[in-house]
Amino acid sequence: MKKILYVDMDNVIVDFASGVAMIPERLRIEYNGRLDEVPGIFSLMKPLCGAIMSMEKLSKKYDTYVLSTAPWENSSAWSDKITWIRKYLGEIAYKRLILTHHKNLNVGDFLIDDRTANGAYLFKGEHIIFGSDKYPDWYSVCNYLL
């Protein structure tokens, strides 16, 4: 039986800054401090370097799921995240997207997340903090997990 691996989206497999760069300056000003609430922003984002290839490799060894949070005040984020998963991950993430504000309620072995918010700090398995000194990029994460 494969171990269960959850992977966050924003700033883990998705380059949030790439979406910010695509929105008009007026929206950056209007939504200052809450850019994740800009309608459609999640549909503009590109994958982080190495993320897609890493997800493909990891999905062969682990039972993988994308475990993300969508802003409560941005209803387009929910559908944009599904569209992003279909576009960039396709079959390896088919019906494997879980959107929650309580990541700790999911049972599994590993969680790759760049933050401790939304219950990640209470996750019962091993929390791999993406972007940390120990796991700064996908190469280091795959080197550990594969």
N, C-alpha and C. Protein backbone atom coordinates (compact mmCIF):
# COMPACT_ATOMS: atom_id res chain seq x y z
N MET A 1 0.85 -1.19 0.00
CA MET A 1 0.00 0.00 0.00
C MET A 1 0.89 1.25 0.00
N LYS A 2 0.57 2.19 -0.87
CA LYS A 2 1.34 3.42 -0.98
C LYS A 2 1.06 4.35 0.20
N LYS A 3 2.08 5.08 0.61
CA LYS A 3 1.90 6.11 1.63
C LYS A 3 1.19 7.30 1.00
N ILE A 4 0.46 8.04 1.83
CA ILE A 4 -0.31 9.19 1.36
C ILE A 4 0.52 10.46 1.48
N LEU A 5 0.57 11.20 0.36
CA LEU A 5 1.31 12.44 0.27
C LEU A 5 0.38 13.55 -0.17
N TYR A 6 0.32 14.62 0.62
CA TYR A 6 -0.45 15.82 0.27
C TYR A 6 0.53 16.91 -0.13
N VAL A 7 0.15 17.68 -1.17
CA VAL A 7 1.00 18.75 -1.65
C VAL A 7 0.16 20.02 -1.77
N ASP A 8 0.61 21.08 -1.14
CA ASP A 8 -0.05 22.39 -1.23
C ASP A 8 0.13 22.96 -2.63
N MET A 9 -0.69 23.92 -2.99
CA MET A 9 -0.57 24.55 -4.31
C MET A 9 0.28 25.82 -4.28
N ASP A 10 -0.23 26.86 -3.63
CA ASP A 10 0.36 28.20 -3.72
C ASP A 10 1.76 28.25 -3.13
N ASN A 11 2.70 28.64 -3.96
CA ASN A 11 4.12 28.75 -3.62
C ASN A 11 4.76 27.40 -3.31
N VAL A 12 4.10 26.32 -3.74
CA VAL A 12 4.68 24.98 -3.64
C VAL A 12 4.73 24.36 -5.04
N ILE A 13 3.56 24.18 -5.66
CA ILE A 13 3.57 23.75 -7.06
C ILE A 13 3.20 24.91 -7.99
N VAL A 14 2.59 25.93 -7.44
CA VAL A 14 2.15 27.09 -8.21
C VAL A 14 2.95 28.32 -7.81
N ASP A 15 3.41 29.06 -8.80
CA ASP A 15 4.17 30.30 -8.58
C ASP A 15 3.18 31.46 -8.44
N PHE A 16 2.83 31.77 -7.18
CA PHE A 16 1.85 32.83 -6.90
C PHE A 16 2.28 34.16 -7.52
N ALA A 17 3.55 34.48 -7.44
CA ALA A 17 4.06 35.76 -7.97
C ALA A 17 3.83 35.88 -9.47
N SER A 18 3.81 34.77 -10.19
CA SER A 18 3.57 34.83 -11.64
C SER A 18 2.16 35.31 -11.94
N GLY A 19 1.22 35.00 -11.08
CA GLY A 19 -0.15 35.50 -11.25
C GLY A 19 -0.25 36.97 -10.92
N VAL A 20 0.43 37.38 -9.86
CA VAL A 20 0.43 38.80 -9.46
C VAL A 20 1.01 39.64 -10.59
N ALA A 21 2.05 39.15 -11.23
CA ALA A 21 2.69 39.90 -12.32
C ALA A 21 1.75 40.09 -13.51
N MET A 22 0.74 39.27 -13.62
CA MET A 22 -0.19 39.34 -14.77
C MET A 22 -1.39 40.27 -14.54
N ILE A 23 -1.62 40.69 -13.31
CA ILE A 23 -2.80 41.54 -13.06
C ILE A 23 -2.43 43.01 -13.23
N PRO A 24 -3.39 43.82 -13.65
CA PRO A 24 -3.13 45.24 -13.83
C PRO A 24 -2.74 45.93 -12.51
N GLU A 25 -1.96 46.96 -12.64
CA GLU A 25 -1.49 47.74 -11.48
C GLU A 25 -2.66 48.24 -10.62
N ARG A 26 -3.73 48.66 -11.25
CA ARG A 26 -4.89 49.19 -10.49
C ARG A 26 -5.45 48.13 -9.56
N LEU A 27 -5.45 46.85 -9.99
CA LEU A 27 -5.93 45.78 -9.12
C LEU A 27 -4.94 45.48 -8.00
N ARG A 28 -3.65 45.59 -8.30
CA ARG A 28 -2.64 45.39 -7.24
C ARG A 28 -2.82 46.42 -6.14
N ILE A 29 -3.16 47.64 -6.52
CA ILE A 29 -3.39 48.72 -5.54
C ILE A 29 -4.69 48.47 -4.79
N GLU A 30 -5.76 48.17 -5.52
CA GLU A 30 -7.07 47.95 -4.91
C GLU A 30 -7.06 46.78 -3.92
N TYR A 31 -6.33 45.72 -4.26
CA TYR A 31 -6.31 44.51 -3.43
C TYR A 31 -5.01 44.38 -2.62
N ASN A 32 -4.35 45.49 -2.39
CA ASN A 32 -3.09 45.47 -1.65
C ASN A 32 -3.27 44.76 -0.30
N GLY A 33 -2.39 43.79 -0.03
CA GLY A 33 -2.47 43.03 1.22
C GLY A 33 -3.40 41.84 1.15
N ARG A 34 -4.14 41.71 0.07
CA ARG A 34 -5.07 40.59 -0.10
C ARG A 34 -5.18 40.22 -1.57
N LEU A 35 -4.02 40.08 -2.20
CA LEU A 35 -3.98 39.80 -3.64
C LEU A 35 -4.62 38.47 -4.01
N ASP A 36 -4.72 37.56 -3.07
CA ASP A 36 -5.37 36.28 -3.35
C ASP A 36 -6.88 36.44 -3.56
N GLU A 37 -7.41 37.63 -3.29
CA GLU A 37 -8.83 37.88 -3.50
C GLU A 37 -9.13 38.49 -4.87
N VAL A 38 -8.11 38.76 -5.67
CA VAL A 38 -8.34 39.29 -7.02
C VAL A 38 -9.04 38.21 -7.85
N PRO A 39 -10.22 38.52 -8.37
CA PRO A 39 -10.93 37.52 -9.18
C PRO A 39 -10.08 37.05 -10.36
N GLY A 40 -9.98 35.75 -10.55
CA GLY A 40 -9.27 35.17 -11.66
C GLY A 40 -7.77 35.03 -11.50
N ILE A 41 -7.20 35.53 -10.40
CA ILE A 41 -5.74 35.51 -10.26
C ILE A 41 -5.16 34.10 -10.30
N PHE A 42 -5.87 33.14 -9.75
CA PHE A 42 -5.34 31.77 -9.69
C PHE A 42 -5.29 31.10 -11.07
N SER A 43 -6.07 31.61 -12.00
CA SER A 43 -6.02 31.05 -13.36
C SER A 43 -4.81 31.56 -14.14
N LEU A 44 -4.15 32.60 -13.64
CA LEU A 44 -3.03 33.22 -14.34
C LEU A 44 -1.67 32.65 -13.93
N MET A 45 -1.63 31.88 -12.90
CA MET A 45 -0.36 31.42 -12.32
C MET A 45 0.29 30.30 -13.12
N LYS A 46 1.60 30.28 -13.08
CA LYS A 46 2.41 29.26 -13.74
C LYS A 46 2.95 28.28 -12.69
N PRO A 47 3.37 27.09 -13.12
CA PRO A 47 3.97 26.14 -12.17
C PRO A 47 5.35 26.63 -11.70
N LEU A 48 5.71 26.28 -10.49
CA LEU A 48 7.05 26.53 -9.99
C LEU A 48 8.03 25.60 -10.71
N CYS A 49 9.25 26.03 -10.82
CA CYS A 49 10.29 25.25 -11.48
C CYS A 49 10.42 23.87 -10.82
N GLY A 50 10.32 22.85 -11.63
CA GLY A 50 10.48 21.48 -11.15
C GLY A 50 9.24 20.85 -10.55
N ALA A 51 8.17 21.63 -10.37
CA ALA A 51 6.98 21.12 -9.68
C ALA A 51 6.26 20.02 -10.45
N ILE A 52 6.03 20.24 -11.73
CA ILE A 52 5.26 19.27 -12.50
C ILE A 52 6.00 17.94 -12.62
N MET A 53 7.27 18.00 -12.97
CA MET A 53 8.06 16.77 -13.08
C MET A 53 8.13 16.05 -11.72
N SER A 54 8.26 16.81 -10.65
CA SER A 54 8.31 16.20 -9.32
C SER A 54 7.00 15.54 -8.95
N MET A 55 5.89 16.18 -9.27
CA MET A 55 4.59 15.59 -8.99
C MET A 55 4.41 14.29 -9.77
N GLU A 56 4.89 14.27 -11.00
CA GLU A 56 4.80 13.05 -11.81
C GLU A 56 5.59 11.92 -11.17
N LYS A 57 6.79 12.21 -10.72
CA LYS A 57 7.63 11.18 -10.08
C LYS A 57 7.03 10.73 -8.75
N LEU A 58 6.62 11.69 -7.94
CA LEU A 58 6.09 11.36 -6.62
C LEU A 58 4.79 10.56 -6.72
N SER A 59 3.98 10.83 -7.73
CA SER A 59 2.70 10.12 -7.87
C SER A 59 2.89 8.64 -8.22
N LYS A 60 4.07 8.28 -8.67
CA LYS A 60 4.35 6.87 -8.96
C LYS A 60 4.67 6.09 -7.68
N LYS A 61 5.22 6.80 -6.68
CA LYS A 61 5.60 6.14 -5.43
C LYS A 61 4.55 6.33 -4.33
N TYR A 62 3.85 7.47 -4.36
CA TYR A 62 2.91 7.82 -3.29
C TYR A 62 1.49 7.96 -3.83
N ASP A 63 0.55 7.83 -2.93
CA ASP A 63 -0.85 8.13 -3.21
C ASP A 63 -0.97 9.65 -3.00
N THR A 64 -0.87 10.42 -4.08
CA THR A 64 -0.73 11.87 -3.98
C THR A 64 -2.05 12.61 -4.14
N TYR A 65 -2.17 13.69 -3.36
CA TYR A 65 -3.33 14.58 -3.41
C TYR A 65 -2.83 16.01 -3.33
N VAL A 66 -3.53 16.91 -4.00
CA VAL A 66 -3.24 18.33 -3.85
C VAL A 66 -4.16 18.83 -2.75
N LEU A 67 -3.56 19.39 -1.71
CA LEU A 67 -4.29 19.86 -0.54
C LEU A 67 -4.07 21.35 -0.41
N SER A 68 -5.08 22.13 -0.76
CA SER A 68 -4.91 23.57 -0.84
C SER A 68 -6.03 24.30 -0.12
N THR A 69 -5.83 25.56 0.07
CA THR A 69 -6.84 26.44 0.65
C THR A 69 -7.18 27.48 -0.40
N ALA A 70 -8.45 27.80 -0.53
CA ALA A 70 -8.88 28.85 -1.45
C ALA A 70 -9.46 29.98 -0.60
N PRO A 71 -9.15 31.22 -0.97
CA PRO A 71 -9.66 32.35 -0.18
C PRO A 71 -11.19 32.36 -0.12
N TRP A 72 -11.72 32.55 1.05
CA TRP A 72 -13.15 32.55 1.28
C TRP A 72 -13.83 33.68 0.51
N GLU A 73 -13.13 34.80 0.35
CA GLU A 73 -13.70 35.98 -0.30
C GLU A 73 -13.47 36.01 -1.81
N ASN A 74 -12.96 34.93 -2.40
CA ASN A 74 -12.70 34.89 -3.83
C ASN A 74 -13.24 33.57 -4.39
N SER A 75 -14.51 33.58 -4.75
CA SER A 75 -15.14 32.34 -5.20
C SER A 75 -14.54 31.82 -6.50
N SER A 76 -13.95 32.68 -7.33
CA SER A 76 -13.34 32.18 -8.57
C SER A 76 -12.10 31.34 -8.27
N ALA A 77 -11.49 31.56 -7.12
CA ALA A 77 -10.29 30.79 -6.77
C ALA A 77 -10.59 29.30 -6.72
N TRP A 78 -11.76 28.92 -6.26
CA TRP A 78 -12.13 27.52 -6.13
C TRP A 78 -12.15 26.85 -7.51
N SER A 79 -12.82 27.47 -8.46
CA SER A 79 -12.88 26.88 -9.81
C SER A 79 -11.55 27.06 -10.55
N ASP A 80 -10.85 28.18 -10.31
CA ASP A 80 -9.55 28.39 -10.96
C ASP A 80 -8.54 27.32 -10.56
N LYS A 81 -8.59 26.88 -9.32
CA LYS A 81 -7.65 25.86 -8.86
C LYS A 81 -7.92 24.52 -9.54
N ILE A 82 -9.17 24.19 -9.74
CA ILE A 82 -9.51 22.96 -10.45
C ILE A 82 -9.02 23.05 -11.90
N THR A 83 -9.26 24.19 -12.52
CA THR A 83 -8.82 24.39 -13.90
C THR A 83 -7.30 24.30 -14.02
N TRP A 84 -6.58 24.87 -13.05
CA TRP A 84 -5.12 24.82 -13.04
C TRP A 84 -4.63 23.37 -12.94
N ILE A 85 -5.23 22.62 -12.05
CA ILE A 85 -4.86 21.21 -11.86
C ILE A 85 -5.07 20.43 -13.16
N ARG A 86 -6.20 20.64 -13.80
CA ARG A 86 -6.48 19.95 -15.07
C ARG A 86 -5.44 20.32 -16.12
N LYS A 87 -5.11 21.60 -16.22
CA LYS A 87 -4.19 22.09 -17.24
C LYS A 87 -2.77 21.57 -17.05
N TYR A 88 -2.26 21.64 -15.82
CA TYR A 88 -0.85 21.34 -15.57
C TYR A 88 -0.57 19.93 -15.05
N LEU A 89 -1.51 19.32 -14.35
CA LEU A 89 -1.25 18.00 -13.78
C LEU A 89 -2.06 16.89 -14.42
N GLY A 90 -3.15 17.21 -15.03
CA GLY A 90 -3.96 16.23 -15.76
C GLY A 90 -4.31 15.00 -14.96
N GLU A 91 -4.06 13.84 -15.56
CA GLU A 91 -4.46 12.56 -14.98
C GLU A 91 -3.85 12.27 -13.61
N ILE A 92 -2.63 12.74 -13.36
CA ILE A 92 -2.01 12.39 -12.07
C ILE A 92 -2.72 13.04 -10.88
N ALA A 93 -3.55 14.06 -11.16
CA ALA A 93 -4.29 14.71 -10.08
C ALA A 93 -5.80 14.68 -10.31
N TYR A 94 -6.24 13.80 -11.20
CA TYR A 94 -7.67 13.70 -11.50
C TYR A 94 -8.45 13.33 -10.24
N LYS A 95 -9.37 14.19 -9.87
CA LYS A 95 -10.21 14.03 -8.67
C LYS A 95 -9.37 13.86 -7.40
N ARG A 96 -8.22 14.54 -7.37
CA ARG A 96 -7.31 14.46 -6.23
C ARG A 96 -7.01 15.84 -5.66
N LEU A 97 -7.94 16.78 -5.84
CA LEU A 97 -7.81 18.12 -5.29
C LEU A 97 -8.74 18.23 -4.09
N ILE A 98 -8.15 18.60 -2.96
CA ILE A 98 -8.92 18.81 -1.73
C ILE A 98 -8.73 20.26 -1.32
N LEU A 99 -9.82 21.01 -1.25
CA LEU A 99 -9.77 22.40 -0.80
C LEU A 99 -10.33 22.47 0.60
N THR A 100 -9.52 23.00 1.52
CA THR A 100 -9.92 23.04 2.92
C THR A 100 -9.19 24.16 3.66
N HIS A 101 -9.78 24.61 4.72
CA HIS A 101 -9.12 25.56 5.62
C HIS A 101 -8.64 24.83 6.88
N HIS A 102 -8.73 23.50 6.85
CA HIS A 102 -8.37 22.67 8.01
C HIS A 102 -7.56 21.46 7.54
N LYS A 103 -6.33 21.69 7.12
CA LYS A 103 -5.49 20.63 6.56
C LYS A 103 -5.21 19.51 7.55
N ASN A 104 -5.26 19.81 8.82
CA ASN A 104 -5.01 18.82 9.86
C ASN A 104 -6.07 17.73 9.91
N LEU A 105 -7.21 17.94 9.29
CA LEU A 105 -8.26 16.93 9.31
C LEU A 105 -8.00 15.80 8.31
N ASN A 106 -7.05 15.99 7.43
CA ASN A 106 -6.68 14.96 6.46
C ASN A 106 -5.65 14.03 7.09
N VAL A 107 -5.86 12.75 6.89
CA VAL A 107 -4.97 11.74 7.44
C VAL A 107 -4.00 11.31 6.34
N GLY A 108 -2.72 11.34 6.66
CA GLY A 108 -1.73 10.93 5.69
C GLY A 108 -0.34 10.87 6.29
N ASP A 109 0.62 10.56 5.44
CA ASP A 109 1.99 10.38 5.91
C ASP A 109 2.84 11.65 5.76
N PHE A 110 2.63 12.40 4.68
CA PHE A 110 3.44 13.58 4.42
C PHE A 110 2.56 14.73 3.92
N LEU A 111 2.95 15.93 4.28
CA LEU A 111 2.34 17.16 3.76
C LEU A 111 3.47 18.08 3.34
N ILE A 112 3.51 18.44 2.06
CA ILE A 112 4.48 19.42 1.58
C ILE A 112 3.74 20.74 1.50
N ASP A 113 4.14 21.67 2.34
CA ASP A 113 3.47 22.98 2.42
C ASP A 113 4.51 24.02 2.79
N ASP A 114 4.36 25.21 2.28
CA ASP A 114 5.32 26.28 2.57
C ASP A 114 4.99 27.03 3.84
N ARG A 115 3.83 26.77 4.42
CA ARG A 115 3.42 27.50 5.62
C ARG A 115 2.86 26.52 6.67
N THR A 116 2.61 27.07 7.85
CA THR A 116 2.01 26.28 8.91
C THR A 116 0.54 26.65 9.11
N ALA A 117 0.04 27.57 8.29
CA ALA A 117 -1.33 28.06 8.43
C ALA A 117 -2.36 27.01 8.01
N ASN A 118 -3.62 27.31 8.30
CA ASN A 118 -4.75 26.47 7.90
C ASN A 118 -4.62 25.03 8.38
N GLY A 119 -4.13 24.86 9.58
CA GLY A 119 -4.04 23.55 10.20
C GLY A 119 -2.82 22.73 9.82
N ALA A 120 -1.96 23.24 8.95
CA ALA A 120 -0.77 22.48 8.54
C ALA A 120 0.12 22.16 9.74
N TYR A 121 0.20 23.08 10.70
CA TYR A 121 1.04 22.84 11.87
C TYR A 121 0.49 21.74 12.77
N LEU A 122 -0.76 21.38 12.60
CA LEU A 122 -1.37 20.30 13.39
C LEU A 122 -1.44 18.98 12.63
N PHE A 123 -0.94 18.95 11.40
CA PHE A 123 -0.97 17.74 10.59
C PHE A 123 -0.26 16.61 11.33
N LYS A 124 -0.87 15.44 11.40
CA LYS A 124 -0.34 14.33 12.20
C LYS A 124 0.85 13.62 11.55
N GLY A 125 0.96 13.71 10.23
CA GLY A 125 2.10 13.09 9.55
C GLY A 125 3.29 14.05 9.57
N GLU A 126 4.23 13.83 8.67
CA GLU A 126 5.42 14.68 8.59
C GLU A 126 5.15 15.88 7.70
N HIS A 127 5.39 17.06 8.26
CA HIS A 127 5.21 18.31 7.51
C HIS A 127 6.55 18.71 6.91
N ILE A 128 6.65 18.64 5.60
CA ILE A 128 7.85 19.06 4.88
C ILE A 128 7.63 20.52 4.49
N ILE A 129 8.40 21.41 5.08
CA ILE A 129 8.19 22.84 4.83
C ILE A 129 8.96 23.27 3.58
N PHE A 130 8.21 23.41 2.50
CA PHE A 130 8.79 23.78 1.21
C PHE A 130 9.31 25.22 1.28
N GLY A 131 10.51 25.42 0.75
CA GLY A 131 11.12 26.74 0.77
C GLY A 131 11.96 27.00 2.02
N SER A 132 12.02 26.02 2.91
CA SER A 132 12.82 26.15 4.13
C SER A 132 14.29 25.87 3.79
N ASP A 133 15.16 26.08 4.75
CA ASP A 133 16.58 25.79 4.54
C ASP A 133 16.80 24.32 4.17
N LYS A 134 16.04 23.44 4.81
CA LYS A 134 16.20 22.00 4.56
C LYS A 134 15.58 21.58 3.23
N TYR A 135 14.49 22.21 2.83
CA TYR A 135 13.78 21.87 1.59
C TYR A 135 13.52 23.13 0.76
N PRO A 136 14.58 23.72 0.20
CA PRO A 136 14.42 25.00 -0.52
C PRO A 136 13.76 24.88 -1.89
N ASP A 137 13.74 23.67 -2.46
CA ASP A 137 13.24 23.51 -3.82
C ASP A 137 12.77 22.08 -4.04
N TRP A 138 12.26 21.82 -5.25
CA TRP A 138 11.75 20.50 -5.56
C TRP A 138 12.83 19.43 -5.62
N TYR A 139 14.01 19.81 -6.01
CA TYR A 139 15.13 18.86 -6.04
C TYR A 139 15.36 18.28 -4.65
N SER A 140 15.42 19.13 -3.64
CA SER A 140 15.68 18.67 -2.27
C SER A 140 14.52 17.83 -1.73
N VAL A 141 13.30 18.20 -2.07
CA VAL A 141 12.14 17.44 -1.62
C VAL A 141 12.14 16.03 -2.24
N CYS A 142 12.36 15.97 -3.56
CA CYS A 142 12.40 14.66 -4.23
C CYS A 142 13.57 13.81 -3.76
N ASN A 143 14.69 14.46 -3.51
CA ASN A 143 15.86 13.75 -3.01
C ASN A 143 15.53 13.07 -1.67
N TYR A 144 14.73 13.71 -0.86
CA TYR A 144 14.33 13.15 0.44
C TYR A 144 13.26 12.05 0.29
N LEU A 145 12.25 12.30 -0.54
CA LEU A 145 11.11 11.40 -0.60
C LEU A 145 11.28 10.23 -1.58
N LEU A 146 12.18 10.34 -2.51
CA LEU A 146 12.30 9.27 -3.51
C LEU A 146 13.46 8.35 -3.27
